[in-house]
């Protein structure tokens, strides 16, 4: 499933550069994760890098975007194919 950033976010800016899919961006009040781009780092790393670096532990799984590992892998393949075309 995709990840989400809760309102406990302190806008510390450490998660955004860690995302290999550019799924994290500054929102109006806190950082946001685009569920269409979030693969929980599947295809890149063993664990979500944003969760590892977050100092306030505000990046849980997003229950609104439940995905299996297979779906996350397929999303990773699609995203990397698009990057190659760009």
Protein backbone atom coordinates (compact mmCIF):
# COMPACT_ATOMS: atom_id res chain seq x y z
CA UNK A 1 0.00 0.00 0.00
CA UNK A 2 1.11 3.55 -0.48
CA UNK A 3 2.32 5.58 2.46
CA UNK A 4 0.88 8.81 3.80
CA UNK A 5 2.19 11.66 5.92
CA UNK A 6 0.14 12.58 8.99
CA UNK A 7 -0.39 16.00 10.49
CA UNK A 8 2.36 15.18 13.00
CA UNK A 9 4.79 16.19 10.21
CA UNK A 10 7.16 18.95 11.31
CA UNK A 11 8.23 19.89 7.75
CA UNK A 12 11.83 18.95 8.45
CA UNK A 13 12.51 18.32 4.73
CA UNK A 14 14.39 15.03 5.22
CA UNK A 15 11.89 12.70 3.52
CA UNK A 16 11.50 14.40 0.15
CA UNK A 17 15.06 13.87 -1.15
CA UNK A 18 15.03 10.24 0.02
CA UNK A 19 12.12 9.20 -2.20
CA UNK A 20 13.43 7.41 -5.32
CA UNK A 21 10.09 7.91 -7.11
CA UNK A 22 9.69 11.64 -6.43
CA UNK A 23 6.40 10.83 -4.71
CA UNK A 24 6.92 13.28 -1.84
CA UNK A 25 6.38 17.00 -2.22
CA UNK A 26 5.60 20.02 -0.08
CA UNK A 27 1.89 20.47 0.42
CA UNK A 28 0.06 23.53 1.67
CA UNK A 29 0.72 22.70 5.33
CA UNK A 30 2.79 19.51 5.45
CA UNK A 31 4.58 17.22 3.04
CA UNK A 32 2.39 14.92 0.96
CA UNK A 33 2.87 11.58 -0.76
CA UNK A 34 1.41 10.96 -4.21
CA UNK A 35 -0.06 7.44 -3.95
CA UNK A 36 0.27 6.99 -7.72
CA UNK A 37 4.06 7.27 -7.35
CA UNK A 38 4.61 5.63 -3.96
CA UNK A 39 5.90 2.05 -4.13
CA UNK A 40 7.10 1.91 -0.51
CA UNK A 41 10.55 1.86 -2.17
CA UNK A 42 9.82 -1.58 -3.68
CA UNK A 43 12.26 -2.02 -6.54
CA UNK A 44 14.75 0.38 -4.98
CA UNK A 45 15.25 -0.54 -1.31
CA UNK A 46 14.17 -3.16 1.23
CA UNK A 47 12.38 -0.59 3.41
CA UNK A 48 10.69 2.76 2.76
CA UNK A 49 13.46 5.33 3.04
CA UNK A 50 11.13 8.13 4.12
CA UNK A 51 10.03 6.11 7.14
CA UNK A 52 13.65 5.41 8.08
CA UNK A 53 14.70 9.07 8.08
CA UNK A 54 11.53 10.60 9.57
CA UNK A 55 12.41 11.95 13.03
CA UNK A 56 8.78 12.03 14.25
CA UNK A 57 7.53 8.72 12.83
CA UNK A 58 4.63 10.32 10.93
CA UNK A 59 4.65 8.20 7.75
CA UNK A 60 2.34 5.19 8.18
CA UNK A 61 0.73 2.96 5.57
CA UNK A 62 -2.21 4.64 3.88
CA UNK A 63 -5.34 2.51 4.42
CA UNK A 64 -7.02 4.37 1.53
CA UNK A 65 -4.50 2.87 -0.93
CA UNK A 66 -4.10 -0.82 -0.16
CA UNK A 67 -1.73 -2.59 -2.58
CA UNK A 68 -0.04 -5.98 -2.58
CA UNK A 69 3.69 -6.38 -3.09
CA UNK A 70 2.94 -7.53 -6.63
CA UNK A 71 1.02 -4.33 -7.37
CA UNK A 72 3.83 -2.22 -5.88
CA UNK A 73 6.34 -4.06 -8.10
CA UNK A 74 4.17 -3.45 -11.16
CA UNK A 75 3.89 0.24 -10.25
CA UNK A 76 7.69 0.38 -9.86
CA UNK A 77 8.19 -1.15 -13.32
CA UNK A 78 5.71 1.30 -14.88
CA UNK A 79 7.32 4.31 -13.19
CA UNK A 80 10.85 3.32 -14.20
CA UNK A 81 9.69 2.70 -17.78
CA UNK A 82 8.24 6.23 -17.87
CA UNK A 83 11.50 7.67 -16.50
CA UNK A 84 13.45 5.96 -19.30
CA UNK A 85 11.17 7.56 -21.90
CA UNK A 86 11.62 11.05 -20.47
